[in-house]
Amino acid sequence: MPEPRKPRRSPTPGERQRDPERTKARILEAAKAEFGAKGFAATRVGDIADRAGINKQLISYYFGGKEGLYEELTTANLRHNVSITDHGRPLEEVAKGFIEGNTADPDMARMFLWENFADDATDDSAGREFLRGQVEYMRARQAAGDFPADLDPGHLLLILISAASAPLAFPQVARGISGQDPTSKEFADAYAEQLSLLLKHLRK
């Protein structure tokens, strides 16, 4: 005789919670890869869904569509960037942190580049607020003697953002100059060390 079928166990609340969280995480990773490769405008919801292995309706269900998904990623990135700019860390270590972050998460860094290439003047109040805060952060670092008084904090901030983004913005140039893969940890470590030395020299 066949053994009696065991009754199906209902999932616990914790198990019910884990599956949606895993699905949302897969969607976010897939979206980051698609946005990083194509930019916001050229990315299709269907491509994100295919990469994540889910029904595209779940993107609307969890994030309210492509715009909400993009906003979720950029907000998380802003929170991460704020955490790097700690007044207790030397400025050169802060700069290294951004380079290391770009190397560890190149899709997010490419999203940032695509957003600036598009320059479509969309309402990005959170991004502007973050940058205003970063300028004030640089003013405070200047007051603490981290760089000379004749340097404009805002312009120096733009220089440092550009420097941190350069390996991804100009990979052929970086590869031609260094002979290394600009996405590799070896290149990132060497490049971050050179930027760190440059900032140290500004204090002299």
N, C-alpha and C. Protein backbone atom coordinates (compact mmCIF):
# COMPACT_ATOMS: atom_id res chain seq x y z
N MET A 1 0.84 -1.20 0.00
CA MET A 1 0.00 0.00 0.00
C MET A 1 0.88 1.25 0.00
N PRO A 2 0.46 2.24 -0.76
CA PRO A 2 1.25 3.48 -0.73
C PRO A 2 1.10 4.17 0.60
N GLU A 3 2.17 4.81 1.01
CA GLU A 3 2.12 5.53 2.28
C GLU A 3 1.13 6.70 2.16
N PRO A 4 0.41 6.95 3.24
CA PRO A 4 -0.52 8.09 3.18
C PRO A 4 0.24 9.40 2.95
N ARG A 5 -0.33 10.24 2.11
CA ARG A 5 0.32 11.51 1.80
C ARG A 5 0.32 12.40 3.03
N LYS A 6 1.50 12.98 3.30
CA LYS A 6 1.59 13.89 4.44
C LYS A 6 0.86 15.19 4.11
N PRO A 7 0.18 15.74 5.09
CA PRO A 7 -0.50 17.02 4.81
C PRO A 7 0.52 18.11 4.49
N ARG A 8 0.16 18.96 3.52
CA ARG A 8 1.07 20.05 3.14
C ARG A 8 1.18 21.05 4.27
N ARG A 9 2.42 21.38 4.63
CA ARG A 9 2.67 22.31 5.73
C ARG A 9 2.57 23.74 5.21
N SER A 10 1.83 24.55 5.92
CA SER A 10 1.75 25.97 5.55
C SER A 10 3.08 26.64 5.87
N PRO A 11 3.53 27.54 4.98
CA PRO A 11 4.79 28.24 5.28
C PRO A 11 4.65 29.13 6.50
N THR A 12 5.72 29.23 7.25
CA THR A 12 5.72 30.11 8.40
C THR A 12 5.75 31.56 7.93
N PRO A 13 5.40 32.52 8.81
CA PRO A 13 5.49 33.93 8.40
C PRO A 13 6.88 34.30 7.91
N GLY A 14 7.92 33.74 8.53
CA GLY A 14 9.29 34.04 8.10
C GLY A 14 9.56 33.53 6.71
N GLU A 15 9.05 32.35 6.39
CA GLU A 15 9.24 31.79 5.04
C GLU A 15 8.47 32.59 4.00
N ARG A 16 7.28 33.03 4.36
CA ARG A 16 6.50 33.83 3.42
C ARG A 16 7.20 35.16 3.14
N GLN A 17 7.91 35.68 4.13
CA GLN A 17 8.60 36.96 3.97
C GLN A 17 9.84 36.82 3.12
N ARG A 18 10.55 35.68 3.25
CA ARG A 18 11.83 35.54 2.57
C ARG A 18 11.68 35.52 1.06
N ASP A 19 10.68 34.85 0.54
CA ASP A 19 10.54 34.74 -0.91
C ASP A 19 10.35 36.09 -1.59
N PRO A 20 9.44 36.95 -1.11
CA PRO A 20 9.33 38.28 -1.72
C PRO A 20 10.63 39.08 -1.62
N GLU A 21 11.32 38.96 -0.50
CA GLU A 21 12.57 39.71 -0.35
C GLU A 21 13.62 39.22 -1.34
N ARG A 22 13.68 37.91 -1.54
CA ARG A 22 14.62 37.37 -2.53
C ARG A 22 14.25 37.83 -3.93
N THR A 23 12.95 37.83 -4.22
CA THR A 23 12.50 38.27 -5.54
C THR A 23 12.84 39.75 -5.76
N LYS A 24 12.57 40.57 -4.77
CA LYS A 24 12.88 42.00 -4.88
C LYS A 24 14.38 42.21 -5.07
N ALA A 25 15.18 41.44 -4.35
CA ALA A 25 16.64 41.57 -4.49
C ALA A 25 17.08 41.19 -5.89
N ARG A 26 16.49 40.12 -6.45
CA ARG A 26 16.82 39.71 -7.82
C ARG A 26 16.44 40.79 -8.83
N ILE A 27 15.27 41.39 -8.61
CA ILE A 27 14.82 42.45 -9.52
C ILE A 27 15.77 43.64 -9.46
N LEU A 28 16.18 44.02 -8.26
CA LEU A 28 17.08 45.17 -8.10
C LEU A 28 18.43 44.91 -8.77
N GLU A 29 18.96 43.71 -8.61
CA GLU A 29 20.24 43.38 -9.24
C GLU A 29 20.12 43.37 -10.76
N ALA A 30 19.03 42.81 -11.25
CA ALA A 30 18.81 42.78 -12.70
C ALA A 30 18.63 44.18 -13.25
N ALA A 31 17.87 45.01 -12.54
CA ALA A 31 17.65 46.38 -13.00
C ALA A 31 18.95 47.17 -13.01
N LYS A 32 19.75 46.96 -12.00
CA LYS A 32 21.03 47.68 -11.93
C LYS A 32 21.91 47.31 -13.12
N ALA A 33 21.92 46.05 -13.48
CA ALA A 33 22.72 45.60 -14.63
C ALA A 33 22.18 46.19 -15.93
N GLU A 34 20.86 46.21 -16.08
CA GLU A 34 20.27 46.74 -17.31
C GLU A 34 20.44 48.26 -17.40
N PHE A 35 20.17 48.96 -16.31
CA PHE A 35 20.35 50.42 -16.32
C PHE A 35 21.81 50.78 -16.53
N GLY A 36 22.70 50.01 -15.92
CA GLY A 36 24.13 50.28 -16.08
C GLY A 36 24.61 50.05 -17.49
N ALA A 37 24.02 49.09 -18.19
CA ALA A 37 24.44 48.78 -19.55
C ALA A 37 23.82 49.71 -20.58
N LYS A 38 22.58 50.17 -20.33
CA LYS A 38 21.83 50.89 -21.37
C LYS A 38 21.37 52.28 -20.98
N GLY A 39 21.39 52.61 -19.70
CA GLY A 39 20.79 53.86 -19.27
C GLY A 39 19.30 53.68 -19.03
N PHE A 40 18.70 54.67 -18.37
CA PHE A 40 17.28 54.55 -18.00
C PHE A 40 16.37 54.49 -19.22
N ALA A 41 16.55 55.41 -20.16
CA ALA A 41 15.62 55.54 -21.27
C ALA A 41 15.57 54.29 -22.14
N ALA A 42 16.72 53.67 -22.39
CA ALA A 42 16.77 52.52 -23.30
C ALA A 42 16.45 51.19 -22.63
N THR A 43 16.36 51.19 -21.33
CA THR A 43 16.09 49.94 -20.61
C THR A 43 14.59 49.63 -20.64
N ARG A 44 14.25 48.39 -20.97
CA ARG A 44 12.86 47.95 -21.01
C ARG A 44 12.55 47.10 -19.78
N VAL A 45 11.34 47.25 -19.29
CA VAL A 45 10.90 46.47 -18.13
C VAL A 45 11.00 44.99 -18.44
N GLY A 46 10.66 44.59 -19.66
CA GLY A 46 10.72 43.19 -20.03
C GLY A 46 12.13 42.62 -19.94
N ASP A 47 13.12 43.44 -20.29
CA ASP A 47 14.51 42.97 -20.20
C ASP A 47 14.92 42.76 -18.75
N ILE A 48 14.47 43.66 -17.87
CA ILE A 48 14.76 43.49 -16.44
C ILE A 48 14.11 42.21 -15.93
N ALA A 49 12.86 42.01 -16.30
CA ALA A 49 12.13 40.82 -15.85
C ALA A 49 12.79 39.55 -16.36
N ASP A 50 13.21 39.55 -17.62
CA ASP A 50 13.87 38.37 -18.18
C ASP A 50 15.17 38.07 -17.45
N ARG A 51 15.93 39.10 -17.16
CA ARG A 51 17.20 38.90 -16.46
C ARG A 51 16.97 38.37 -15.05
N ALA A 52 15.91 38.88 -14.40
CA ALA A 52 15.60 38.46 -13.03
C ALA A 52 14.87 37.12 -12.99
N GLY A 53 14.35 36.68 -14.12
CA GLY A 53 13.60 35.43 -14.16
C GLY A 53 12.25 35.53 -13.48
N ILE A 54 11.58 36.67 -13.67
CA ILE A 54 10.28 36.87 -13.02
C ILE A 54 9.28 37.42 -14.04
N ASN A 55 8.00 37.41 -13.66
CA ASN A 55 6.97 38.04 -14.47
C ASN A 55 7.11 39.55 -14.32
N LYS A 56 7.05 40.28 -15.43
CA LYS A 56 7.31 41.72 -15.37
C LYS A 56 6.26 42.47 -14.55
N GLN A 57 5.10 41.85 -14.34
CA GLN A 57 4.08 42.50 -13.51
C GLN A 57 4.56 42.67 -12.07
N LEU A 58 5.51 41.81 -11.65
CA LEU A 58 6.02 41.94 -10.28
C LEU A 58 6.81 43.23 -10.09
N ILE A 59 7.35 43.78 -11.16
CA ILE A 59 8.09 45.04 -11.04
C ILE A 59 7.13 46.17 -10.68
N SER A 60 5.96 46.16 -11.32
CA SER A 60 4.94 47.14 -10.94
C SER A 60 4.42 46.89 -9.54
N TYR A 61 4.26 45.62 -9.19
CA TYR A 61 3.72 45.27 -7.87
C TYR A 61 4.65 45.73 -6.74
N TYR A 62 5.95 45.45 -6.90
CA TYR A 62 6.89 45.77 -5.83
C TYR A 62 7.42 47.21 -5.88
N PHE A 63 7.56 47.77 -7.09
CA PHE A 63 8.26 49.05 -7.21
C PHE A 63 7.46 50.14 -7.93
N GLY A 64 6.26 49.79 -8.41
CA GLY A 64 5.46 50.79 -9.09
C GLY A 64 5.93 51.08 -10.52
N GLY A 65 6.74 50.20 -11.09
CA GLY A 65 7.19 50.40 -12.47
C GLY A 65 8.66 50.72 -12.56
N LYS A 66 9.09 51.04 -13.77
CA LYS A 66 10.52 51.29 -14.03
C LYS A 66 11.03 52.50 -13.25
N GLU A 67 10.22 53.55 -13.19
CA GLU A 67 10.65 54.77 -12.50
C GLU A 67 10.87 54.50 -11.01
N GLY A 68 9.94 53.77 -10.40
CA GLY A 68 10.08 53.46 -8.98
C GLY A 68 11.27 52.57 -8.71
N LEU A 69 11.54 51.66 -9.62
CA LEU A 69 12.69 50.77 -9.49
C LEU A 69 13.99 51.57 -9.57
N TYR A 70 14.05 52.48 -10.52
CA TYR A 70 15.24 53.33 -10.67
C TYR A 70 15.44 54.19 -9.43
N GLU A 71 14.36 54.76 -8.93
CA GLU A 71 14.44 55.61 -7.73
C GLU A 71 14.92 54.81 -6.53
N GLU A 72 14.46 53.57 -6.41
CA GLU A 72 14.90 52.71 -5.30
C GLU A 72 16.41 52.51 -5.34
N LEU A 73 16.95 52.27 -6.52
CA LEU A 73 18.39 52.05 -6.66
C LEU A 73 19.17 53.33 -6.39
N THR A 74 18.74 54.45 -6.95
CA THR A 74 19.49 55.69 -6.75
C THR A 74 19.43 56.16 -5.30
N THR A 75 18.29 55.94 -4.64
CA THR A 75 18.19 56.31 -3.22
C THR A 75 19.13 55.48 -2.37
N ALA A 76 19.21 54.18 -2.66
CA ALA A 76 20.14 53.31 -1.92
C ALA A 76 21.58 53.75 -2.16
N ASN A 77 21.88 54.17 -3.39
CA ASN A 77 23.23 54.61 -3.71
C ASN A 77 23.57 55.90 -2.97
N LEU A 78 22.62 56.81 -2.87
CA LEU A 78 22.85 58.06 -2.13
C LEU A 78 23.12 57.77 -0.66
N ARG A 79 22.35 56.86 -0.08
CA ARG A 79 22.58 56.50 1.32
C ARG A 79 23.98 55.93 1.51
N HIS A 80 24.41 55.09 0.56
CA HIS A 80 25.75 54.52 0.63
C HIS A 80 26.81 55.61 0.54
N ASN A 81 26.62 56.56 -0.37
CA ASN A 81 27.60 57.63 -0.54
C ASN A 81 27.69 58.52 0.69
N VAL A 82 26.55 58.79 1.30
CA VAL A 82 26.55 59.58 2.54
C VAL A 82 27.36 58.87 3.62
N SER A 83 27.23 57.55 3.69
CA SER A 83 27.95 56.80 4.72
C SER A 83 29.47 56.85 4.51
N ILE A 84 29.91 57.02 3.26
CA ILE A 84 31.35 57.08 2.98
C ILE A 84 31.95 58.39 3.47
N THR A 85 31.19 59.50 3.34
CA THR A 85 31.74 60.82 3.66
C THR A 85 31.64 61.09 5.16
N ASP A 86 32.42 60.36 5.90
CA ASP A 86 32.49 60.48 7.35
C ASP A 86 33.56 61.51 7.70
N HIS A 87 33.19 62.52 8.51
CA HIS A 87 34.15 63.56 8.90
C HIS A 87 35.33 62.98 9.69
N GLY A 88 35.14 61.82 10.27
CA GLY A 88 36.23 61.22 11.04
C GLY A 88 37.28 60.54 10.19
N ARG A 89 37.00 60.34 8.90
CA ARG A 89 37.96 59.70 8.00
C ARG A 89 38.77 60.77 7.28
N PRO A 90 40.05 60.55 7.06
CA PRO A 90 40.83 61.48 6.25
C PRO A 90 40.23 61.59 4.85
N LEU A 91 40.37 62.77 4.25
CA LEU A 91 39.76 63.00 2.94
C LEU A 91 40.27 62.01 1.90
N GLU A 92 41.55 61.67 1.99
CA GLU A 92 42.10 60.73 1.01
C GLU A 92 41.46 59.34 1.14
N GLU A 93 41.09 58.97 2.38
CA GLU A 93 40.43 57.68 2.57
C GLU A 93 39.00 57.71 2.04
N VAL A 94 38.36 58.89 2.15
CA VAL A 94 37.02 59.04 1.60
C VAL A 94 37.06 58.87 0.08
N ALA A 95 38.04 59.52 -0.56
CA ALA A 95 38.18 59.40 -2.02
C ALA A 95 38.44 57.95 -2.42
N LYS A 96 39.30 57.27 -1.67
CA LYS A 96 39.57 55.86 -1.96
C LYS A 96 38.30 55.03 -1.82
N GLY A 97 37.46 55.38 -0.86
CA GLY A 97 36.22 54.64 -0.65
C GLY A 97 35.30 54.70 -1.86
N PHE A 98 35.26 55.86 -2.53
CA PHE A 98 34.42 55.98 -3.71
C PHE A 98 34.98 55.14 -4.86
N ILE A 99 36.29 55.13 -5.02
CA ILE A 99 36.89 54.31 -6.08
C ILE A 99 36.64 52.83 -5.80
N GLU A 100 36.83 52.43 -4.57
CA GLU A 100 36.60 51.03 -4.21
C GLU A 100 35.13 50.65 -4.42
N GLY A 101 34.22 51.59 -4.10
CA GLY A 101 32.80 51.32 -4.31
C GLY A 101 32.46 51.16 -5.77
N ASN A 102 33.06 51.99 -6.63
CA ASN A 102 32.82 51.88 -8.07
C ASN A 102 33.33 50.55 -8.61
N THR A 103 34.46 50.09 -8.08
CA THR A 103 35.03 48.82 -8.53
C THR A 103 34.17 47.65 -8.05
N ALA A 104 33.67 47.74 -6.81
CA ALA A 104 32.86 46.66 -6.26
C ALA A 104 31.48 46.60 -6.90
N ASP A 105 30.96 47.74 -7.33
CA ASP A 105 29.60 47.78 -7.90
C ASP A 105 29.61 48.61 -9.18
N PRO A 106 30.25 48.10 -10.24
CA PRO A 106 30.37 48.89 -11.47
C PRO A 106 29.04 49.20 -12.15
N ASP A 107 28.04 48.35 -11.98
CA ASP A 107 26.74 48.63 -12.59
C ASP A 107 26.13 49.91 -12.02
N MET A 108 26.24 50.08 -10.71
CA MET A 108 25.72 51.29 -10.09
C MET A 108 26.51 52.52 -10.55
N ALA A 109 27.82 52.37 -10.66
CA ALA A 109 28.65 53.48 -11.13
C ALA A 109 28.29 53.86 -12.56
N ARG A 110 28.02 52.86 -13.40
CA ARG A 110 27.64 53.15 -14.79
C ARG A 110 26.26 53.79 -14.85
N MET A 111 25.36 53.42 -13.94
CA MET A 111 24.07 54.10 -13.87
C MET A 111 24.26 55.59 -13.65
N PHE A 112 25.17 55.93 -12.75
CA PHE A 112 25.47 57.34 -12.45
C PHE A 112 25.99 58.04 -13.69
N LEU A 113 26.87 57.37 -14.44
CA LEU A 113 27.41 57.97 -15.66
C LEU A 113 26.32 58.17 -16.71
N TRP A 114 25.48 57.15 -16.92
CA TRP A 114 24.40 57.27 -17.89
C TRP A 114 23.48 58.43 -17.54
N GLU A 115 23.18 58.58 -16.27
CA GLU A 115 22.29 59.65 -15.83
C GLU A 115 22.87 61.01 -16.21
N ASN A 116 24.17 61.14 -16.09
CA ASN A 116 24.81 62.41 -16.42
C ASN A 116 24.99 62.59 -17.92
N PHE A 117 25.19 61.49 -18.65
CA PHE A 117 25.27 61.60 -20.10
C PHE A 117 23.93 62.07 -20.67
N ALA A 118 22.84 61.56 -20.10
CA ALA A 118 21.51 61.93 -20.59
C ALA A 118 21.23 63.40 -20.33
N ASP A 119 21.55 63.86 -19.11
CA ASP A 119 21.38 65.27 -18.73
C ASP A 119 20.03 65.81 -19.18
N ASP A 120 18.97 65.10 -18.80
CA ASP A 120 17.64 65.46 -19.28
C ASP A 120 16.90 66.41 -18.36
N ALA A 121 17.61 66.94 -17.37
CA ALA A 121 17.03 67.94 -16.47
C ALA A 121 15.78 67.45 -15.75
N THR A 122 15.72 66.14 -15.45
CA THR A 122 14.59 65.62 -14.69
C THR A 122 14.69 66.09 -13.24
N ASP A 123 13.59 66.01 -12.54
CA ASP A 123 13.56 66.46 -11.15
C ASP A 123 14.30 65.45 -10.28
N ASP A 124 15.50 65.81 -9.86
CA ASP A 124 16.29 64.93 -9.01
C ASP A 124 16.64 65.70 -7.75
N SER A 125 15.61 66.03 -6.96
CA SER A 125 15.83 66.85 -5.77
C SER A 125 16.72 66.15 -4.76
N ALA A 126 16.61 64.82 -4.64
CA ALA A 126 17.44 64.09 -3.69
C ALA A 126 18.90 64.17 -4.10
N GLY A 127 19.17 64.03 -5.40
CA GLY A 127 20.53 64.11 -5.89
C GLY A 127 21.13 65.50 -5.68
N ARG A 128 20.33 66.53 -5.96
CA ARG A 128 20.82 67.90 -5.76
C ARG A 128 21.07 68.17 -4.29
N GLU A 129 20.18 67.70 -3.44
CA GLU A 129 20.36 67.90 -2.00
C GLU A 129 21.63 67.20 -1.52
N PHE A 130 21.88 66.00 -2.04
CA PHE A 130 23.10 65.28 -1.68
C PHE A 130 24.33 66.07 -2.09
N LEU A 131 24.34 66.61 -3.31
CA LEU A 131 25.51 67.35 -3.79
C LEU A 131 25.71 68.64 -3.00
N ARG A 132 24.61 69.32 -2.64
CA ARG A 132 24.76 70.51 -1.80
C ARG A 132 25.38 70.14 -0.46
N GLY A 133 24.95 69.02 0.08
CA GLY A 133 25.54 68.55 1.34
C GLY A 133 27.01 68.21 1.18
N GLN A 134 27.38 67.66 0.01
CA GLN A 134 28.77 67.32 -0.23
C GLN A 134 29.65 68.56 -0.37
N VAL A 135 29.10 69.61 -0.95
CA VAL A 135 29.86 70.87 -1.03
C VAL A 135 30.11 71.41 0.38
N GLU A 136 29.11 71.35 1.23
CA GLU A 136 29.30 71.80 2.62
C GLU A 136 30.30 70.91 3.34
N TYR A 137 30.25 69.64 3.04
CA TYR A 137 31.24 68.70 3.60
C TYR A 137 32.65 69.12 3.19
N MET A 138 32.82 69.48 1.91
CA MET A 138 34.14 69.91 1.44
C MET A 138 34.56 71.22 2.09
N ARG A 139 33.62 72.12 2.33
CA ARG A 139 33.95 73.37 3.03
C ARG A 139 34.47 73.07 4.43
N ALA A 140 33.82 72.13 5.09
CA ALA A 140 34.26 71.76 6.44
C ALA A 140 35.65 71.13 6.39
N ARG A 141 35.93 70.31 5.38
CA ARG A 141 37.25 69.71 5.26
C ARG A 141 38.30 70.79 4.98
N GLN A 142 37.91 71.79 4.19
CA GLN A 142 38.83 72.91 3.91
C GLN A 142 39.13 73.68 5.19
N ALA A 143 38.10 73.95 5.99
CA ALA A 143 38.28 74.67 7.25
C ALA A 143 39.18 73.89 8.21
N ALA A 144 39.14 72.56 8.09
CA ALA A 144 39.98 71.71 8.94
C ALA A 144 41.41 71.60 8.42
N GLY A 145 41.69 72.24 7.28
CA GLY A 145 43.05 72.24 6.74
C GLY A 145 43.37 71.10 5.80
N ASP A 146 42.34 70.43 5.28
CA ASP A 146 42.59 69.29 4.40
C ASP A 146 43.05 69.70 3.01
N PHE A 147 42.74 70.94 2.60
CA PHE A 147 43.26 71.45 1.33
C PHE A 147 43.28 72.98 1.40
N PRO A 148 44.10 73.62 0.55
CA PRO A 148 44.34 75.07 0.68
C PRO A 148 43.09 75.93 0.52
N ALA A 149 43.15 77.12 1.10
CA ALA A 149 42.00 78.03 1.10
C ALA A 149 41.72 78.61 -0.28
N ASP A 150 42.70 78.60 -1.19
CA ASP A 150 42.47 79.19 -2.51
C ASP A 150 41.81 78.23 -3.49
N LEU A 151 41.50 77.01 -3.05
CA LEU A 151 40.77 76.06 -3.89
C LEU A 151 39.28 76.16 -3.59
N ASP A 152 38.48 76.19 -4.64
CA ASP A 152 37.03 76.25 -4.47
C ASP A 152 36.51 74.86 -4.09
N PRO A 153 35.80 74.74 -2.96
CA PRO A 153 35.33 73.41 -2.51
C PRO A 153 34.44 72.71 -3.53
N GLY A 154 33.55 73.48 -4.19
CA GLY A 154 32.65 72.86 -5.16
C GLY A 154 33.38 72.33 -6.38
N HIS A 155 34.31 73.13 -6.88
CA HIS A 155 35.07 72.69 -8.05
C HIS A 155 35.96 71.49 -7.70
N LEU A 156 36.54 71.51 -6.51
CA LEU A 156 37.36 70.37 -6.10
C LEU A 156 36.50 69.12 -5.96
N LEU A 157 35.28 69.28 -5.46
CA LEU A 157 34.36 68.13 -5.37
C LEU A 157 34.10 67.55 -6.76
N LEU A 158 33.86 68.42 -7.75
CA LEU A 158 33.63 67.95 -9.12
C LEU A 158 34.86 67.22 -9.65
N ILE A 159 36.04 67.74 -9.35
CA ILE A 159 37.28 67.09 -9.78
C ILE A 159 37.39 65.68 -9.18
N LEU A 160 37.07 65.55 -7.89
CA LEU A 160 37.19 64.26 -7.22
C LEU A 160 36.14 63.27 -7.72
N ILE A 161 34.91 63.75 -7.96
CA ILE A 161 33.88 62.87 -8.52
C ILE A 161 34.32 62.37 -9.90
N SER A 162 34.85 63.29 -10.70
CA SER A 162 35.32 62.93 -12.03
C SER A 162 36.47 61.93 -11.95
N ALA A 163 37.38 62.16 -11.00
CA ALA A 163 38.53 61.26 -10.85
C ALA A 163 38.07 59.86 -10.45
N ALA A 164 37.11 59.79 -9.54
CA ALA A 164 36.63 58.47 -9.09
C ALA A 164 35.91 57.74 -10.22
N SER A 165 35.26 58.49 -11.12
CA SER A 165 34.49 57.88 -12.21
C SER A 165 35.34 57.60 -13.44
N ALA A 166 36.52 58.17 -13.52
CA ALA A 166 37.32 58.11 -14.75
C ALA A 166 37.60 56.70 -15.27
N PRO A 167 37.96 55.73 -14.41
CA PRO A 167 38.25 54.39 -14.96
C PRO A 167 37.08 53.77 -15.70
N LEU A 168 35.84 54.05 -15.25
CA LEU A 168 34.66 53.51 -15.93
C LEU A 168 34.24 54.39 -17.10
N ALA A 169 34.46 55.70 -16.98
CA ALA A 169 34.09 56.61 -18.07
C ALA A 169 35.05 56.50 -19.25
N PHE A 170 36.32 56.23 -18.95
CA PHE A 170 37.36 56.17 -19.99
C PHE A 170 38.17 54.88 -19.87
N PRO A 171 37.51 53.71 -20.03
CA PRO A 171 38.22 52.45 -19.81
C PRO A 171 39.37 52.23 -20.79
N GLN A 172 39.20 52.64 -22.05
CA GLN A 172 40.27 52.46 -23.02
C GLN A 172 41.49 53.31 -22.67
N VAL A 173 41.23 54.54 -22.23
CA VAL A 173 42.33 55.42 -21.83
C VAL A 173 43.04 54.84 -20.61
N ALA A 174 42.25 54.40 -19.63
CA ALA A 174 42.85 53.83 -18.42
C ALA A 174 43.65 52.58 -18.74
N ARG A 175 43.13 51.74 -19.62
CA ARG A 175 43.83 50.52 -20.01
C ARG A 175 45.12 50.85 -20.78
N GLY A 176 45.04 51.86 -21.68
CA GLY A 176 46.20 52.23 -22.47
C GLY A 176 47.31 52.83 -21.63
N ILE A 177 46.93 53.60 -20.61
CA ILE A 177 47.93 54.23 -19.74
C ILE A 177 48.56 53.22 -18.80
N SER A 178 47.74 52.38 -18.19
CA SER A 178 48.22 51.51 -17.12
C SER A 178 48.62 50.11 -17.58
N GLY A 179 48.07 49.68 -18.72
CA GLY A 179 48.28 48.30 -19.14
C GLY A 179 47.51 47.30 -18.30
N GLN A 180 46.55 47.78 -17.48
CA GLN A 180 45.76 46.92 -16.62
C GLN A 180 44.29 47.01 -16.98
N ASP A 181 43.52 46.03 -16.54
CA ASP A 181 42.08 46.07 -16.68
C ASP A 181 41.54 47.11 -15.71
N PRO A 182 40.90 48.20 -16.19
CA PRO A 182 40.45 49.25 -15.27
C PRO A 182 39.33 48.82 -14.33
N THR A 183 38.72 47.65 -14.57
CA THR A 183 37.69 47.15 -13.66
C THR A 183 38.27 46.21 -12.61
N SER A 184 39.58 45.96 -12.66
CA SER A 184 40.18 45.00 -11.74
C SER A 184 40.50 45.64 -10.39
N LYS A 185 40.57 44.81 -9.38
CA LYS A 185 40.94 45.29 -8.04
C LYS A 185 42.37 45.81 -8.03
N GLU A 186 43.25 45.18 -8.81
CA GLU A 186 44.65 45.60 -8.85
C GLU A 186 44.76 47.04 -9.36
N PHE A 187 44.04 47.34 -10.44
CA PHE A 187 44.05 48.71 -10.95
C PHE A 187 43.43 49.66 -9.93
N ALA A 188 42.27 49.28 -9.37
CA ALA A 188 41.57 50.15 -8.42
C ALA A 188 42.44 50.48 -7.22
N ASP A 189 43.17 49.49 -6.71
CA ASP A 189 44.03 49.73 -5.55
C ASP A 189 45.14 50.72 -5.89
N ALA A 190 45.77 50.52 -7.06
CA ALA A 190 46.86 51.41 -7.46
C ALA A 190 46.34 52.82 -7.74
N TYR A 191 45.23 52.90 -8.42
CA TYR A 191 44.64 54.20 -8.78
C TYR A 191 44.18 54.96 -7.52
N ALA A 192 43.53 54.24 -6.61
CA ALA A 192 43.08 54.87 -5.36
C ALA A 192 44.26 55.36 -4.54
N GLU A 193 45.35 54.62 -4.54
CA GLU A 193 46.53 55.04 -3.79
C GLU A 193 47.12 56.32 -4.37
N GLN A 194 47.14 56.44 -5.69
CA GLN A 194 47.66 57.65 -6.32
C GLN A 194 46.78 58.86 -6.03
N LEU A 195 45.46 58.69 -6.06
CA LEU A 195 44.57 59.79 -5.72
C LEU A 195 44.72 60.17 -4.26
N SER A 196 44.92 59.18 -3.41
CA SER A 196 45.16 59.44 -1.99
C SER A 196 46.42 60.27 -1.79
N LEU A 197 47.49 59.92 -2.49
CA LEU A 197 48.74 60.67 -2.39
C LEU A 197 48.56 62.11 -2.87
N LEU A 198 47.79 62.29 -3.94
CA LEU A 198 47.54 63.63 -4.46
C LEU A 198 46.86 64.49 -3.40
N LEU A 199 45.86 63.94 -2.72
CA LEU A 199 45.16 64.70 -1.69
C LEU A 199 46.04 64.96 -0.48
N LYS A 200 46.91 64.04 -0.16
CA LYS A 200 47.87 64.27 0.93
C LYS A 200 48.78 65.45 0.61
N HIS A 201 49.21 65.53 -0.66
CA HIS A 201 50.09 66.63 -1.07
C HIS A 201 49.40 67.99 -0.95
N LEU A 202 48.07 68.01 -1.10
CA LEU A 202 47.35 69.28 -0.97
C LEU A 202 47.44 69.84 0.44
N ARG A 203 47.67 69.00 1.42
CA ARG A 203 47.75 69.46 2.81
C ARG A 203 49.10 70.07 3.15
N LYS A 204 50.09 69.91 2.28
CA LYS A 204 51.43 70.40 2.60
C LYS A 204 51.55 71.88 2.32
